Amino acid sequence: MRLPELIAATCDERVTPRFVRFLVAEKVIPAPAGGRAHANYGSIHLAGIQRYLRLRDLGLSVLAIKLLDQGESLEAVAVSLAPGITLSVRTADLTLIPDARTLARRISLALADITRAAVPADDITDVAAERIEHT
């Protein structure tokens, strides 16, 4: 696809020709096939742009994104989830990515314990089992 089609496919007003050239120059996405005059972009470019935007929206710097793309481990990546709640991910220590539902329940339990809030009734059985497993 040509550059205008790539930009349209992102469905994001932040993506401009200059932005795409920046990502290529920073080696966040590969250079297009066909050279500059006949640049042809593909799904790898679209996915790279979308991933870059998601990571930037989480607060990661350009350098941190580049390091992650290169397979480097970062000491810690801090992502603000809500006022007062920051997720800190130590990429060097990740061996498995836990199931999202299980992780969400564990976070819900931790927040309930910290704030002394009630745990939703549907989660009580699951949470009790997880407390036993992780003690």
Protein backbone atom coordinates (compact mmCIF):
# COMPACT_ATOMS: atom_id res chain seq x y z
CA MET A 1 0.00 0.00 0.00
CA ARG A 2 1.08 3.56 -0.57
CA LEU A 3 1.70 6.06 2.23
CA PRO A 4 -1.78 7.68 2.11
CA GLU A 5 -3.36 4.23 2.38
CA LEU A 6 -1.12 3.33 5.32
CA ILE A 7 -2.03 6.54 7.10
CA ALA A 8 -5.74 5.94 6.50
CA ALA A 9 -5.44 2.34 7.73
CA THR A 10 -4.12 3.48 11.11
CA CYS A 11 -7.36 5.38 11.82
CA ASP A 12 -5.34 7.79 13.95
CA GLU A 13 -5.04 11.51 13.25
CA ARG A 14 -1.57 11.58 14.81
CA VAL A 15 -0.15 9.57 11.91
CA THR A 16 1.17 11.85 9.19
CA PRO A 17 3.75 11.36 6.44
CA ARG A 18 6.31 13.10 8.63
CA PHE A 19 5.47 10.81 11.57
CA VAL A 20 5.93 7.70 9.40
CA ARG A 21 9.28 9.00 8.15
CA PHE A 22 10.29 9.65 11.77
CA LEU A 23 9.46 6.04 12.73
CA VAL A 24 11.49 4.76 9.76
CA ALA A 25 14.43 7.03 10.62
CA GLU A 26 14.33 5.88 14.26
CA LYS A 27 14.18 2.25 13.06
CA VAL A 28 10.92 1.67 14.90
CA ILE A 29 9.47 0.37 11.63
CA PRO A 30 11.46 -0.89 8.64
CA ALA A 31 12.01 1.21 5.54
CA PRO A 32 9.34 0.66 2.90
CA ALA A 33 9.95 -1.58 -0.08
CA GLY A 34 10.50 0.14 -3.40
CA GLY A 35 12.63 3.03 -2.21
CA ARG A 36 11.46 6.55 -1.52
CA ALA A 37 9.96 7.27 -4.96
CA HIS A 38 7.85 4.10 -5.05
CA ALA A 39 7.49 3.38 -1.34
CA ASN A 40 5.30 0.41 -0.59
CA TYR A 41 4.16 -0.32 2.96
CA GLY A 42 2.64 -3.49 4.36
CA SER A 43 1.06 -5.02 7.42
CA ILE A 44 4.38 -4.97 9.30
CA HIS A 45 4.43 -1.17 9.01
CA LEU A 46 0.82 -0.82 10.10
CA ALA A 47 1.35 -3.13 13.10
CA GLY A 48 4.56 -1.30 14.03
CA ILE A 49 2.85 2.10 13.97
CA GLN A 50 -0.08 0.84 16.03
CA ARG A 51 2.21 -0.79 18.60
CA TYR A 52 4.34 2.35 18.83
CA LEU A 53 1.23 4.50 19.45
CA ARG A 54 -0.10 2.11 22.11
CA LEU A 55 3.24 2.14 23.94
CA ARG A 56 3.51 5.93 23.70
CA ASP A 57 -0.03 6.21 25.07
CA LEU A 58 1.14 4.13 28.03
CA GLY A 59 3.86 6.71 28.65
CA LEU A 60 6.92 4.94 27.23
CA SER A 61 9.63 7.05 25.67
CA VAL A 62 10.87 6.61 22.11
CA LEU A 63 14.10 5.14 23.49
CA ALA A 64 12.25 2.63 25.67
CA ILE A 65 10.12 1.53 22.71
CA LYS A 66 13.19 1.10 20.53
CA LEU A 67 14.91 -0.98 23.22
CA LEU A 68 11.85 -3.20 23.61
CA ASP A 69 11.66 -3.62 19.83
CA GLN A 70 15.31 -4.68 19.82
CA GLY A 71 14.58 -7.33 22.46
CA GLU A 72 16.38 -5.47 25.24
CA SER A 73 15.20 -5.86 28.81
CA LEU A 74 14.36 -2.68 30.63
CA GLU A 75 14.92 -2.33 34.36
CA ALA A 76 11.30 -1.30 34.79
CA VAL A 77 8.50 0.08 32.69
CA ALA A 78 6.02 2.15 34.67
CA VAL A 79 2.51 2.49 33.25
CA SER A 80 -0.07 4.72 34.88
CA LEU A 81 -3.38 2.83 34.97
CA ALA A 82 -5.45 5.27 36.99
CA PRO A 83 -4.83 8.11 39.45
CA GLY A 84 -2.78 6.56 42.22
CA ILE A 85 -2.24 3.25 40.42
CA THR A 86 0.96 2.59 38.47
CA LEU A 87 1.88 -0.77 37.02
CA SER A 88 5.61 -1.46 37.16
CA VAL A 89 6.82 -4.16 34.78
CA ARG A 90 10.36 -5.47 35.13
CA THR A 91 10.85 -6.93 31.67
CA ALA A 92 14.07 -8.70 32.66
CA ASP A 93 12.14 -10.78 35.21
CA LEU A 94 9.28 -11.80 32.91
CA THR A 95 9.36 -15.47 32.09
CA LEU A 96 5.65 -16.00 31.50
CA ILE A 97 2.91 -13.51 30.86
CA PRO A 98 0.08 -14.45 33.20
CA ASP A 99 -3.48 -14.89 31.99
CA ALA A 100 -5.11 -11.45 31.87
CA ARG A 101 -8.25 -12.49 33.78
CA THR A 102 -6.22 -14.09 36.57
CA LEU A 103 -3.96 -11.07 36.74
CA ALA A 104 -6.94 -8.69 36.83
CA ARG A 105 -8.48 -10.65 39.71
CA ARG A 106 -5.19 -10.57 41.63
CA ILE A 107 -4.92 -6.82 41.09
CA SER A 108 -8.54 -6.39 42.20
CA LEU A 109 -7.81 -8.37 45.34
CA ALA A 110 -4.67 -6.38 46.11
CA LEU A 111 -6.51 -3.09 45.64
CA ALA A 112 -9.36 -4.32 47.84
CA ASP A 113 -6.89 -5.32 50.55
CA ILE A 114 -5.00 -2.03 50.34
CA THR A 115 -8.10 0.18 50.32
CA ARG A 116 -10.24 -2.09 52.52
CA ALA A 117 -12.87 -2.16 49.79
CA ALA A 118 -15.25 -5.05 49.26
CA VAL A 119 -14.34 -7.70 46.71
CA PRO A 120 -17.17 -8.29 44.19
CA ALA A 121 -19.21 -11.37 45.19
CA ASP A 122 -18.51 -13.12 41.87
CA ASP A 123 -14.78 -12.96 42.55
CA ILE A 124 -14.83 -14.20 46.17
CA THR A 125 -14.44 -17.90 45.32
CA ASP A 126 -11.76 -17.28 42.70
CA VAL A 127 -9.95 -14.82 44.95
CA ALA A 128 -10.00 -17.19 47.92
CA ALA A 129 -8.52 -19.96 45.79
CA GLU A 130 -5.83 -17.62 44.48
CA ARG A 131 -4.96 -16.48 47.99
CA ILE A 132 -4.37 -20.09 48.98
CA GLU A 133 -2.28 -20.77 45.84
CA HIS A 134 -0.06 -17.69 46.23
CA THR A 135 0.68 -17.84 49.95
